[in-house]
Every structure is written in C-alpha cells, then in structure tokens.
Amino acid sequence: MCSQDKGESEMMQYTQPLLVHGALPLWFLIVALFIPRIALFAAWLEGNLVPFHLFGWIPLVLGIVVPRILVLVLIYRDQGLSVWFLIHAIVMVAVWGGVSGRQVRRRRRDDW
C-alpha cells in the first residue's frame, strides 16, 4: 500500500461521520438546524418521512409544539447516535437555554 493510498483512506475516515447514510437527506439535516418546522413540512411534502411511519396525533403535536425534539427522534431512528444527532442536540440546548438570552431594552422618548 503506497503512502498516497494511506493518506486517502485516512481522509475518508475523518470525513465519513458527516456523510448521510440513512433515509434523511442532507438538505433536511442542515435546514432543520435553523428552521425545523419548515424543514419537517418540506420533508413531509416530498415524502421523505414515510419510512419513519409517523402516524397519529403524537408526531403531529411534536412537530407543531416542539419540532426540534421530533427532528432528534427522526435522526436517532435513522442514524442512531451520530454526529448529526449530537449537532442537533447541542443546537437544541443552545436555543432552549438562551445562548443569546439577554433582552435589549428599547429606549422610549420618556427615558431620555
């Protein structure tokens, strides 16, 4: 095995975790980080959620009330504990924890 082949195999080893190997498309995983409701709706329209058998009221309520949890469930059912699951979990904690939780108080004319 030459050194070039060894370098290529090492490169594939590092890029492999970000590749999608399940039923969820890459566009869904990226868009769901920023706008999960719209990503879920678009995936539903395309028929990408059919393999997950999301029937009944529970997935509908999760998709409306807490879509990030439904996205995590979909990723876990599709890929297990993968890099994408961890990325979405960190984003969920950051959004719910309020990383930018400071409120800027607007000044009114009376405050001057």
PDB file of N, CA and C in Angstrom:
ATOM      1  N   MET A   1       0.852  -1.170   0.000  1.00  0.00           N
ATOM      2  CA  MET A   1       0.000   0.000   0.000  1.00  0.00           C
ATOM      3  C   MET A   1       0.894   1.227   0.000  1.00  0.00           C
ATOM      4  N   CYS A   2       0.731   2.084  -0.983  1.00  0.00           N
ATOM      5  CA  CYS A   2       1.590   3.258  -1.074  1.00  0.00           C
ATOM      6  C   CYS A   2       1.094   4.347  -0.128  1.00  0.00           C
ATOM      7  N   SER A   3       1.924   5.344   0.086  1.00  0.00           N
ATOM      8  CA  SER A   3       1.602   6.400   1.051  1.00  0.00           C
ATOM      9  C   SER A   3       0.415   7.238   0.588  1.00  0.00           C
ATOM     10  N   GLN A   4       0.207   7.375  -0.708  1.00  0.00           N
ATOM     11  CA  GLN A   4      -0.919   8.161  -1.191  1.00  0.00           C
ATOM     12  C   GLN A   4      -2.235   7.456  -0.861  1.00  0.00           C
ATOM     13  N   ASP A   5      -2.288   6.154  -1.039  1.00  0.00           N
ATOM     14  CA  ASP A   5      -3.485   5.395  -0.699  1.00  0.00           C
ATOM     15  C   ASP A   5      -3.765   5.464   0.799  1.00  0.00           C
ATOM     16  N   LYS A   6      -2.727   5.440   1.590  1.00  0.00           N
ATOM     17  CA  LYS A   6      -2.892   5.530   3.040  1.00  0.00           C
ATOM     18  C   LYS A   6      -3.453   6.902   3.417  1.00  0.00           C
ATOM     19  N   GLY A   7      -2.982   7.948   2.786  1.00  0.00           N
ATOM     20  CA  GLY A   7      -3.473   9.293   3.063  1.00  0.00           C
ATOM     21  C   GLY A   7      -4.932   9.460   2.670  1.00  0.00           C
ATOM     22  N   GLU A   8      -5.329   8.857   1.541  1.00  0.00           N
ATOM     23  CA  GLU A   8      -6.715   8.934   1.108  1.00  0.00           C
ATOM     24  C   GLU A   8      -7.631   8.181   2.064  1.00  0.00           C
ATOM     25  N   SER A   9      -7.184   7.042   2.558  1.00  0.00           N
ATOM     26  CA  SER A   9      -8.020   6.283   3.488  1.00  0.00           C
ATOM     27  C   SER A   9      -8.166   7.007   4.819  1.00  0.00           C
ATOM     28  N   GLU A  10      -7.108   7.690   5.262  1.00  0.00           N
ATOM     29  CA  GLU A  10      -7.207   8.485   6.481  1.00  0.00           C
ATOM     30  C   GLU A  10      -8.161   9.649   6.294  1.00  0.00           C
ATOM     31  N   MET A  11      -8.130  10.286   5.112  1.00  0.00           N
ATOM     32  CA  MET A  11      -9.025  11.403   4.829  1.00  0.00           C
ATOM     33  C   MET A  11     -10.478  10.932   4.823  1.00  0.00           C
ATOM     34  N   MET A  12     -10.740   9.774   4.240  1.00  0.00           N
ATOM     35  CA  MET A  12     -12.094   9.229   4.226  1.00  0.00           C
ATOM     36  C   MET A  12     -12.570   8.912   5.636  1.00  0.00           C
ATOM     37  N   GLN A  13     -11.671   8.500   6.498  1.00  0.00           N
ATOM     38  CA  GLN A  13     -12.020   8.182   7.873  1.00  0.00           C
ATOM     39  C   GLN A  13     -12.499   9.430   8.597  1.00  0.00           C
ATOM     40  N   TYR A  14     -11.908  10.579   8.339  1.00  0.00           N
ATOM     41  CA  TYR A  14     -12.296  11.807   9.024  1.00  0.00           C
ATOM     42  C   TYR A  14     -13.542  12.438   8.429  1.00  0.00           C
ATOM     43  N   THR A  15     -13.794  12.255   7.154  1.00  0.00           N
ATOM     44  CA  THR A  15     -14.977  12.862   6.542  1.00  0.00           C
ATOM     45  C   THR A  15     -16.194  11.963   6.599  1.00  0.00           C
ATOM     46  N   GLN A  16     -16.039  10.722   6.939  1.00  0.00           N
ATOM     47  CA  GLN A  16     -17.143   9.769   6.949  1.00  0.00           C
ATOM     48  C   GLN A  16     -18.274  10.151   7.914  1.00  0.00           C
ATOM     49  N   PRO A  17     -18.028  10.643   9.127  1.00  0.00           N
ATOM     50  CA  PRO A  17     -19.132  10.903  10.041  1.00  0.00           C
ATOM     51  C   PRO A  17     -20.120  11.950   9.548  1.00  0.00           C
ATOM     52  N   LEU A  18     -19.712  12.884   8.694  1.00  0.00           N
ATOM     53  CA  LEU A  18     -20.624  13.916   8.238  1.00  0.00           C
ATOM     54  C   LEU A  18     -21.454  13.474   7.047  1.00  0.00           C
ATOM     55  N   LEU A  19     -21.101  12.354   6.437  1.00  0.00           N
ATOM     56  CA  LEU A  19     -21.886  11.864   5.325  1.00  0.00           C
ATOM     57  C   LEU A  19     -23.184  11.261   5.839  1.00  0.00           C
ATOM     58  N   VAL A  20     -24.210  11.380   5.039  1.00  0.00           N
ATOM     59  CA  VAL A  20     -25.514  10.856   5.416  1.00  0.00           C
ATOM     60  C   VAL A  20     -25.613   9.424   4.927  1.00  0.00           C
ATOM     61  N   HIS A  21     -25.996   8.507   5.791  1.00  0.00           N
ATOM     62  CA  HIS A  21     -26.088   7.111   5.403  1.00  0.00           C
ATOM     63  C   HIS A  21     -27.461   6.527   5.693  1.00  0.00           C
ATOM     64  N   GLY A  22     -28.455   7.369   5.847  1.00  0.00           N
ATOM     65  CA  GLY A  22     -29.792   6.881   6.152  1.00  0.00           C
ATOM     66  C   GLY A  22     -30.811   7.419   5.176  1.00  0.00           C
ATOM     67  N   ALA A  23     -32.056   7.433   5.611  1.00  0.00           N
ATOM     68  CA  ALA A  23     -33.148   7.874   4.755  1.00  0.00           C
ATOM     69  C   ALA A  23     -33.313   9.383   4.747  1.00  0.00           C
ATOM     70  N   LEU A  24     -32.803  10.072   5.758  1.00  0.00           N
ATOM     71  CA  LEU A  24     -32.934  11.525   5.806  1.00  0.00           C
ATOM     72  C   LEU A  24     -31.919  12.179   4.871  1.00  0.00           C
ATOM     73  N   PRO A  25     -32.387  13.072   4.003  1.00  0.00           N
ATOM     74  CA  PRO A  25     -31.454  13.726   3.080  1.00  0.00           C
ATOM     75  C   PRO A  25     -30.607  14.784   3.785  1.00  0.00           C
ATOM     76  N   LEU A  26     -29.486  15.125   3.179  1.00  0.00           N
ATOM     77  CA  LEU A  26     -28.574  16.100   3.759  1.00  0.00           C
ATOM     78  C   LEU A  26     -29.219  17.471   3.891  1.00  0.00           C
ATOM     79  N   TRP A  27     -30.027  17.867   2.904  1.00  0.00           N
ATOM     80  CA  TRP A  27     -30.657  19.186   2.974  1.00  0.00           C
ATOM     81  C   TRP A  27     -31.544  19.280   4.218  1.00  0.00           C
ATOM     82  N   PHE A  28     -32.229  18.182   4.573  1.00  0.00           N
ATOM     83  CA  PHE A  28     -33.085  18.196   5.758  1.00  0.00           C
ATOM     84  C   PHE A  28     -32.263  18.398   7.023  1.00  0.00           C
ATOM     85  N   LEU A  29     -31.146  17.710   7.126  1.00  0.00           N
ATOM     86  CA  LEU A  29     -30.314  17.819   8.326  1.00  0.00           C
ATOM     87  C   LEU A  29     -29.765  19.229   8.500  1.00  0.00           C
ATOM     88  N   ILE A  30     -29.435  19.901   7.407  1.00  0.00           N
ATOM     89  CA  ILE A  30     -28.882  21.253   7.504  1.00  0.00           C
ATOM     90  C   ILE A  30     -29.980  22.276   7.766  1.00  0.00           C
ATOM     91  N   VAL A  31     -31.068  22.202   7.014  1.00  0.00           N
ATOM     92  CA  VAL A  31     -32.153  23.187   7.165  1.00  0.00           C
ATOM     93  C   VAL A  31     -32.817  23.055   8.531  1.00  0.00           C
ATOM     94  N   ALA A  32     -32.937  21.834   9.041  1.00  0.00           N
ATOM     95  CA  ALA A  32     -33.581  21.616  10.342  1.00  0.00           C
ATOM     96  C   ALA A  32     -32.801  22.237  11.496  1.00  0.00           C
ATOM     97  N   LEU A  33     -31.534  22.542  11.296  1.00  0.00           N
ATOM     98  CA  LEU A  33     -30.777  23.232  12.347  1.00  0.00           C
ATOM     99  C   LEU A  33     -31.308  24.647  12.573  1.00  0.00           C
ATOM    100  N   PHE A  34     -31.768  25.285  11.508  1.00  0.00           N
ATOM    101  CA  PHE A  34     -32.163  26.689  11.594  1.00  0.00           C
ATOM    102  C   PHE A  34     -33.678  26.882  11.623  1.00  0.00           C
ATOM    103  N   ILE A  35     -34.400  26.146  10.797  1.00  0.00           N
ATOM    104  CA  ILE A  35     -35.862  26.284  10.739  1.00  0.00           C
ATOM    105  C   ILE A  35     -36.493  24.887  10.718  1.00  0.00           C
ATOM    106  N   PRO A  36     -36.629  24.269  11.887  1.00  0.00           N
ATOM    107  CA  PRO A  36     -37.073  22.871  11.930  1.00  0.00           C
ATOM    108  C   PRO A  36     -38.510  22.650  11.462  1.00  0.00           C
ATOM    109  N   ARG A  37     -39.425  23.580  11.745  1.00  0.00           N
ATOM    110  CA  ARG A  37     -40.817  23.382  11.320  1.00  0.00           C
ATOM    111  C   ARG A  37     -40.936  23.359   9.811  1.00  0.00           C
ATOM    112  N   ILE A  38     -40.261  24.290   9.167  1.00  0.00           N
ATOM    113  CA  ILE A  38     -40.312  24.356   7.707  1.00  0.00           C
ATOM    114  C   ILE A  38     -39.623  23.136   7.097  1.00  0.00           C
ATOM    115  N   ALA A  39     -38.524  22.697   7.691  1.00  0.00           N
ATOM    116  CA  ALA A  39     -37.833  21.509   7.187  1.00  0.00           C
ATOM    117  C   ALA A  39     -38.713  20.264   7.324  1.00  0.00           C
ATOM    118  N   LEU A  40     -39.404  20.128   8.453  1.00  0.00           N
ATOM    119  CA  LEU A  40     -40.302  18.988   8.634  1.00  0.00           C
ATOM    120  C   LEU A  40     -41.439  19.020   7.624  1.00  0.00           C
ATOM    121  N   PHE A  41     -42.001  20.203   7.397  1.00  0.00           N
ATOM    122  CA  PHE A  41     -43.098  20.328   6.446  1.00  0.00           C
ATOM    123  C   PHE A  41     -42.644  20.004   5.021  1.00  0.00           C
ATOM    124  N   ALA A  42     -41.476  20.523   4.638  1.00  0.00           N
ATOM    125  CA  ALA A  42     -40.948  20.256   3.294  1.00  0.00           C
ATOM    126  C   ALA A  42     -40.623  18.769   3.116  1.00  0.00           C
ATOM    127  N   ALA A  43     -40.057  18.143   4.144  1.00  0.00           N
ATOM    128  CA  ALA A  43     -39.751  16.708   4.063  1.00  0.00           C
ATOM    129  C   ALA A  43     -41.028  15.889   3.992  1.00  0.00           C
ATOM    130  N   TRP A  44     -42.063  16.335   4.681  1.00  0.00           N
ATOM    131  CA  TRP A  44     -43.353  15.654   4.624  1.00  0.00           C
ATOM    132  C   TRP A  44     -43.958  15.761   3.225  1.00  0.00           C
ATOM    133  N   LEU A  45     -43.863  16.958   2.615  1.00  0.00           N
ATOM    134  CA  LEU A  45     -44.382  17.144   1.260  1.00  0.00           C
ATOM    135  C   LEU A  45     -43.636  16.282   0.241  1.00  0.00           C
ATOM    136  N   GLU A  46     -42.328  16.131   0.415  1.00  0.00           N
ATOM    137  CA  GLU A  46     -41.533  15.324  -0.502  1.00  0.00           C
ATOM    138  C   GLU A  46     -41.699  13.826  -0.270  1.00  0.00           C
ATOM    139  N   GLY A  47     -42.228  13.449   0.857  1.00  0.00           N
ATOM    140  CA  GLY A  47     -42.392  12.036   1.170  1.00  0.00           C
ATOM    141  C   GLY A  47     -41.173  11.419   1.818  1.00  0.00           C
ATOM    142  N   ASN A  48     -40.265  12.243   2.333  1.00  0.00           N
ATOM    143  CA  ASN A  48     -39.055  11.722   2.976  1.00  0.00           C
ATOM    144  C   ASN A  48     -39.314  11.144   4.356  1.00  0.00           C
ATOM    145  N   LEU A  49     -40.473  11.422   4.936  1.00  0.00           N
ATOM    146  CA  LEU A  49     -40.762  10.937   6.287  1.00  0.00           C
ATOM    147  C   LEU A  49     -41.553   9.634   6.281  1.00  0.00           C
ATOM    148  N   VAL A  50     -41.860   9.108   5.106  1.00  0.00           N
ATOM    149  CA  VAL A  50     -42.637   7.872   5.000  1.00  0.00           C
ATOM    150  C   VAL A  50     -41.955   6.685   5.687  1.00  0.00           C
ATOM    151  N   PRO A  51     -40.622   6.494   5.549  1.00  0.00           N
ATOM    152  CA  PRO A  51     -40.003   5.323   6.192  1.00  0.00           C
ATOM    153  C   PRO A  51     -40.087   5.321   7.721  1.00  0.00           C
ATOM    154  N   PHE A  52     -40.440   6.440   8.316  1.00  0.00           N
ATOM    155  CA  PHE A  52     -40.459   6.522   9.783  1.00  0.00           C
ATOM    156  C   PHE A  52     -41.828   6.216  10.363  1.00  0.00           C
ATOM    157  N   HIS A  53     -42.836   6.014   9.530  1.00  0.00           N
ATOM    158  CA  HIS A  53     -44.183   5.644   9.965  1.00  0.00           C
ATOM    159  C   HIS A  53     -44.711   6.606  11.033  1.00  0.00           C
ATOM    160  N   LEU A  54     -44.746   7.873  10.682  1.00  0.00           N
ATOM    161  CA  LEU A  54     -45.240   8.891  11.609  1.00  0.00           C
ATOM    162  C   LEU A  54     -46.741   9.071  11.408  1.00  0.00           C
ATOM    163  N   PHE A  55     -47.522   8.283  12.133  1.00  0.00           N
ATOM    164  CA  PHE A  55     -48.965   8.357  12.043  1.00  0.00           C
ATOM    165  C   PHE A  55     -49.520   8.657  13.418  1.00  0.00           C
ATOM    166  N   GLY A  56     -50.683   9.269  13.467  1.00  0.00           N
ATOM    167  CA  GLY A  56     -51.331   9.558  14.739  1.00  0.00           C
ATOM    168  C   GLY A  56     -51.124  11.001  15.160  1.00  0.00           C
ATOM    169  N   TRP A  57     -51.539  11.285  16.374  1.00  0.00           N
ATOM    170  CA  TRP A  57     -51.515  12.654  16.888  1.00  0.00           C
ATOM    171  C   TRP A  57     -50.186  13.050  17.506  1.00  0.00           C
ATOM    172  N   ILE A  58     -49.441  12.112  18.046  1.00  0.00           N
ATOM    173  CA  ILE A  58     -48.205  12.449  18.762  1.00  0.00           C
ATOM    174  C   ILE A  58     -47.166  13.094  17.840  1.00  0.00           C
ATOM    175  N   PRO A  59     -46.861  12.549  16.672  1.00  0.00           N
ATOM    176  CA  PRO A  59     -45.900  13.227  15.799  1.00  0.00           C
ATOM    177  C   PRO A  59     -46.384  14.592  15.320  1.00  0.00           C
ATOM    178  N   LEU A  60     -47.706  14.704  15.094  1.00  0.00           N
ATOM    179  CA  LEU A  60     -48.260  15.988  14.669  1.00  0.00           C
ATOM    180  C   LEU A  60     -48.094  17.047  15.757  1.00  0.00           C
ATOM    181  N   VAL A  61     -48.411  16.677  16.988  1.00  0.00           N
ATOM    182  CA  VAL A  61     -48.274  17.629  18.104  1.00  0.00           C
ATOM    183  C   VAL A  61     -46.796  17.963  18.330  1.00  0.00           C
ATOM    184  N   LEU A  62     -45.920  16.970  18.281  1.00  0.00           N
ATOM    185  CA  LEU A  62     -44.484  17.237  18.438  1.00  0.00           C
ATOM    186  C   LEU A  62     -43.971  18.159  17.339  1.00  0.00           C
ATOM    187  N   GLY A  63     -44.435  17.959  16.116  1.00  0.00           N
ATOM    188  CA  GLY A  63     -43.991  18.790  15.003  1.00  0.00           C
ATOM    189  C   GLY A  63     -44.446  20.224  15.131  1.00  0.00           C
ATOM    190  N   ILE A  64     -45.578  20.450  15.768  1.00  0.00           N
ATOM    191  CA  ILE A  64     -46.089  21.818  15.934  1.00  0.00           C
ATOM    192  C   ILE A  64     -45.514  22.473  17.183  1.00  0.00           C
ATOM    193  N   VAL A  65     -45.520  21.761  18.304  1.00  0.00           N
ATOM    194  CA  VAL A  65     -45.127  22.364  19.585  1.00  0.00           C
ATOM    195  C   VAL A  65     -43.606  22.377  19.770  1.00  0.00           C
ATOM    196  N   VAL A  66     -42.968  21.239  19.641  1.00  0.00           N
ATOM    197  CA  VAL A  66     -41.520  21.138  19.835  1.00  0.00           C
ATOM    198  C   VAL A  66     -40.886  20.387  18.663  1.00  0.00           C
ATOM    199  N   PRO A  67     -40.722  21.062  17.538  1.00  0.00           N
ATOM    200  CA  PRO A  67     -40.219  20.362  16.349  1.00  0.00           C
ATOM    201  C   PRO A  67     -38.783  19.865  16.489  1.00  0.00           C
ATOM    202  N   ARG A  68     -37.992  20.509  17.328  1.00  0.00           N
ATOM    203  CA  ARG A  68     -36.601  20.063  17.487  1.00  0.00           C
ATOM    204  C   ARG A  68     -36.528  18.670  18.107  1.00  0.00           C
ATOM    205  N   ILE A  69     -37.450  18.360  19.001  1.00  0.00           N
ATOM    206  CA  ILE A  69     -37.480  17.016  19.597  1.00  0.00           C
ATOM    207  C   ILE A  69     -37.862  15.986  18.535  1.00  0.00           C
ATOM    208  N   LEU A  70     -38.832  16.324  17.675  1.00  0.00           N
ATOM    209  CA  LEU A  70     -39.206  15.402  16.609  1.00  0.00           C
ATOM    210  C   LEU A  70     -38.052  15.189  15.629  1.00  0.00           C
ATOM    211  N   VAL A  71     -37.295  16.245  15.336  1.00  0.00           N
ATOM    212  CA  VAL A  71     -36.124  16.104  14.464  1.00  0.00           C
ATOM    213  C   VAL A  71     -35.098  15.183  15.120  1.00  0.00           C
ATOM    214  N   LEU A  72     -34.878  15.339  16.420  1.00  0.00           N
ATOM    215  CA  LEU A  72     -33.952  14.451  17.126  1.00  0.00           C
ATOM    216  C   LEU A  72     -34.422  12.997  17.084  1.00  0.00           C
ATOM    217  N   VAL A  73     -35.711  12.781  17.255  1.00  0.00           N
ATOM    218  CA  VAL A  73     -36.253  11.424  17.195  1.00  0.00           C
ATOM    219  C   VAL A  73     -36.038  10.834  15.801  1.00  0.00           C
ATOM    220  N   LEU A  74     -36.280  11.631  14.766  1.00  0.00           N
ATOM    221  CA  LEU A  74     -36.092  11.146  13.395  1.00  0.00           C
ATOM    222  C   LEU A  74     -34.634  10.796  13.123  1.00  0.00           C
ATOM    223  N   ILE A  75     -33.730  11.663  13.566  1.00  0.00           N
ATOM    224  CA  ILE A  75     -32.305  11.396  13.347  1.00  0.00           C
ATOM    225  C   ILE A  75     -31.868  10.155  14.118  1.00  0.00           C
ATOM    226  N   TYR A  76     -32.346  10.006  15.343  1.00  0.00           N
ATOM    227  CA  TYR A  76     -31.976   8.832  16.134  1.00  0.00           C
ATOM    228  C   TYR A  76     -32.500   7.542  15.493  1.00  0.00           C
ATOM    229  N   ARG A  77     -33.739   7.578  15.003  1.00  0.00           N
ATOM    230  CA  ARG A  77     -34.304   6.385  14.357  1.00  0.00           C
ATOM    231  C   ARG A  77     -33.609   6.076  13.044  1.00  0.00           C
ATOM    232  N   ASP A  78     -33.068   7.098  12.386  1.00  0.00           N
ATOM    233  CA  ASP A  78     -32.427   6.904  11.096  1.00  0.00           C
ATOM    234  C   ASP A  78     -30.957   6.516  11.225  1.00  0.00           C
ATOM    235  N   GLN A  79     -30.215   7.226  12.104  1.00  0.00           N
ATOM    236  CA  GLN A  79     -28.767   7.049  12.168  1.00  0.00           C
ATOM    237  C   GLN A  79     -28.248   6.623  13.536  1.00  0.00           C
ATOM    238  N   GLY A  80     -29.083   6.649  14.543  1.00  0.00           N
ATOM    239  CA  GLY A  80     -28.609   6.345  15.888  1.00  0.00           C
ATOM    240  C   GLY A  80     -27.879   7.548  16.477  1.00  0.00           C
ATOM    241  N   LEU A  81     -26.988   7.303  17.393  1.00  0.00           N
ATOM    242  CA  LEU A  81     -26.210   8.399  17.993  1.00  0.00           C
ATOM    243  C   LEU A  81     -25.060   8.751  17.053  1.00  0.00           C
ATOM    244  N   SER A  82     -25.347   9.643  16.149  1.00  0.00           N
ATOM    245  CA  SER A  82     -24.368  10.033  15.143  1.00  0.00           C
ATOM    246  C   SER A  82     -23.914  11.471  15.396  1.00  0.00           C
ATOM    247  N   VAL A  83     -23.044  11.935  14.542  1.00  0.00           N
ATOM    248  CA  VAL A  83     -22.570  13.317  14.640  1.00  0.00           C
ATOM    249  C   VAL A  83     -23.730  14.282  14.435  1.00  0.00           C
ATOM    250  N   TRP A  84     -24.622  13.962  13.486  1.00  0.00           N
ATOM    251  CA  TRP A  84     -25.764  14.840  13.245  1.00  0.00           C
ATOM    252  C   TRP A  84     -26.687  14.900  14.448  1.00  0.00           C
ATOM    253  N   PHE A  85     -26.863  13.780  15.143  1.00  0.00           N
ATOM    254  CA  PHE A  85     -27.691  13.784  16.354  1.00  0.00           C
ATOM    255  C   PHE A  85     -27.073  14.703  17.401  1.00  0.00           C
ATOM    256  N   LEU A  86     -25.778  14.607  17.600  1.00  0.00           N
ATOM    257  CA  LEU A  86     -25.111  15.454  18.591  1.00  0.00           C
ATOM    258  C   LEU A  86     -25.167  16.928  18.204  1.00  0.00           C
ATOM    259  N   ILE A  87     -24.985  17.243  16.927  1.00  0.00           N
ATOM    260  CA  ILE A  87     -25.065  18.641  16.479  1.00  0.00           C
ATOM    261  C   ILE A  87     -26.453  19.201  16.754  1.00  0.00           C
ATOM    262  N   HIS A  88     -27.486  18.445  16.413  1.00  0.00           N
ATOM    263  CA  HIS A  88     -28.856  18.917  16.649  1.00  0.00           C
ATOM    264  C   HIS A  88     -29.172  19.009  18.135  1.00  0.00           C
ATOM    265  N   ALA A  89     -28.650  18.100  18.946  1.00  0.00           N
ATOM    266  CA  ALA A  89     -28.877  18.161  20.394  1.00  0.00           C
ATOM    267  C   ALA A  89     -28.213  19.403  20.993  1.00  0.00           C
ATOM    268  N   ILE A  90     -27.006  19.720  20.544  1.00  0.00           N
ATOM    269  CA  ILE A  90     -26.315  20.922  21.043  1.00  0.00           C
ATOM    270  C   ILE A  90     -27.066  22.178  20.637  1.00  0.00           C
ATOM    271  N   VAL A  91     -27.546  22.220  19.403  1.00  0.00           N
ATOM    272  CA  VAL A  91     -28.319  23.388  18.950  1.00  0.00           C
ATOM    273  C   VAL A  91     -29.610  23.506  19.744  1.00  0.00           C
ATOM    274  N   MET A  92     -30.261  22.392  20.029  1.00  0.00           N
ATOM    275  CA  MET A  92     -31.496  22.432  20.805  1.00  0.00           C
ATOM    276  C   MET A  92     -31.246  22.980  22.206  1.00  0.00           C
ATOM    277  N   VAL A  93     -30.200  22.516  22.850  1.00  0.00           N
ATOM    278  CA  VAL A  93     -29.879  23.009  24.193  1.00  0.00           C
ATOM    279  C   VAL A  93     -29.517  24.494  24.147  1.00  0.00           C
ATOM    280  N   ALA A  94     -28.792  24.912  23.117  1.00  0.00           N
ATOM    281  CA  ALA A  94     -28.411  26.318  22.994  1.00  0.00           C
ATOM    282  C   ALA A  94     -29.627  27.203  22.766  1.00  0.00           C
ATOM    283  N   VAL A  95     -30.554  26.744  21.947  1.00  0.00           N
ATOM    284  CA  VAL A  95     -31.750  27.551  21.674  1.00  0.00           C
ATOM    285  C   VAL A  95     -32.637  27.599  22.911  1.00  0.00           C
ATOM    286  N   TRP A  96     -32.855  26.469  23.543  1.00  0.00           N
ATOM    287  CA  TRP A  96     -33.712  26.460  24.719  1.00  0.00           C
ATOM    288  C   TRP A  96     -33.038  27.111  25.918  1.00  0.00           C
ATOM    289  N   GLY A  97     -31.726  27.004  26.020  1.00  0.00           N
ATOM    290  CA  GLY A  97     -31.006  27.620  27.123  1.00  0.00           C
ATOM    291  C   GLY A  97     -30.850  29.121  26.957  1.00  0.00           C
ATOM    292  N   GLY A  98     -31.058  29.578  25.762  1.00  0.00           N
ATOM    293  CA  GLY A  98     -30.974  31.015  25.523  1.00  0.00           C
ATOM    294  C   GLY A  98     -29.547  31.510  25.499  1.00  0.00           C
ATOM    295  N   VAL A  99     -28.751  31.010  24.571  1.00  0.00           N
ATOM    296  CA  VAL A  99     -27.372  31.471  24.459  1.00  0.00           C
ATOM    297  C   VAL A  99     -27.341  32.981  24.308  1.00  0.00           C
ATOM    298  N   SER A 100     -28.253  33.504  23.520  1.00  0.00           N
ATOM    299  CA  SER A 100     -28.340  34.960  23.381  1.00  0.00           C
ATOM    300  C   SER A 100     -29.584  35.438  24.115  1.00  0.00           C
ATOM    301  N   GLY A 101     -29.722  35.042  25.349  1.00  0.00           N
ATOM    302  CA  GLY A 101     -30.923  35.297  26.113  1.00  0.00           C
ATOM    303  C   GLY A 101     -31.071  36.693  26.678  1.00  0.00           C
ATOM    304  N   ARG A 102     -30.070  37.535  26.491  1.00  0.00           N
ATOM    305  CA  ARG A 102     -30.200  38.893  27.012  1.00  0.00           C
ATOM    306  C   ARG A 102     -31.211  39.668  26.192  1.00  0.00           C
ATOM    307  N   GLN A 103     -32.095  40.335  26.889  1.00  0.00           N
ATOM    308  CA  GLN A 103     -33.062  41.173  26.194  1.00  0.00           C
ATOM    309  C   GLN A 103     -32.540  42.599  26.185  1.00  0.00           C
ATOM    310  N   VAL A 104     -32.622  43.197  25.058  1.00  0.00           N
ATOM    311  CA  VAL A 104     -32.206  44.581  24.933  1.00  0.00           C
ATOM    312  C   VAL A 104     -33.432  45.442  25.166  1.00  0.00           C
ATOM    313  N   ARG A 105     -33.328  46.287  26.145  1.00  0.00           N
ATOM    314  CA  ARG A 105     -34.446  47.152  26.474  1.00  0.00           C
ATOM    315  C   ARG A 105     -34.447  48.339  25.540  1.00  0.00           C
ATOM    316  N   ARG A 106     -35.560  48.551  24.905  1.00  0.00           N
ATOM    317  CA  ARG A 106     -35.659  49.656  23.966  1.00  0.00           C
ATOM    318  C   ARG A 106     -35.913  50.947  24.727  1.00  0.00           C
ATOM    319  N   ARG A 107     -35.257  51.959  24.289  1.00  0.00           N
ATOM    320  CA  ARG A 107     -35.459  53.269  24.917  1.00  0.00           C
ATOM    321  C   ARG A 107     -36.662  53.959  24.300  1.00  0.00           C
ATOM    322  N   ARG A 108     -37.416  54.572  25.175  1.00  0.00           N
ATOM    323  CA  ARG A 108     -38.530  55.393  24.703  1.00  0.00           C
ATOM    324  C   ARG A 108     -38.141  56.847  24.875  1.00  0.00           C
ATOM    325  N   ARG A 109     -38.919  57.673  24.334  1.00  0.00           N
ATOM    326  CA  ARG A 109     -38.626  59.115  24.432  1.00  0.00           C
ATOM    327  C   ARG A 109     -38.654  59.590  25.894  1.00  0.00           C
ATOM    328  N   ASP A 110     -39.440  58.931  26.732  1.00  0.00           N
ATOM    329  CA  ASP A 110     -39.536  59.327  28.146  1.00  0.00           C
ATOM    330  C   ASP A 110     -38.251  59.051  28.897  1.00  0.00           C
ATOM    331  N   ASP A 111     -37.425  58.090  28.430  1.00  0.00           N
ATOM    332  CA  ASP A 111     -36.190  57.704  29.132  1.00  0.00           C
ATOM    333  C   ASP A 111     -35.055  58.691  28.899  1.00  0.00           C
ATOM    334  N   TRP A 112     -35.148  59.550  27.908  1.00  0.00           N
ATOM    335  CA  TRP A 112     -34.042  60.444  27.611  1.00  0.00           C
ATOM    336  C   TRP A 112     -33.968  61.576  28.543  1.00  0.00           C
TER     337      TRP A 112
END
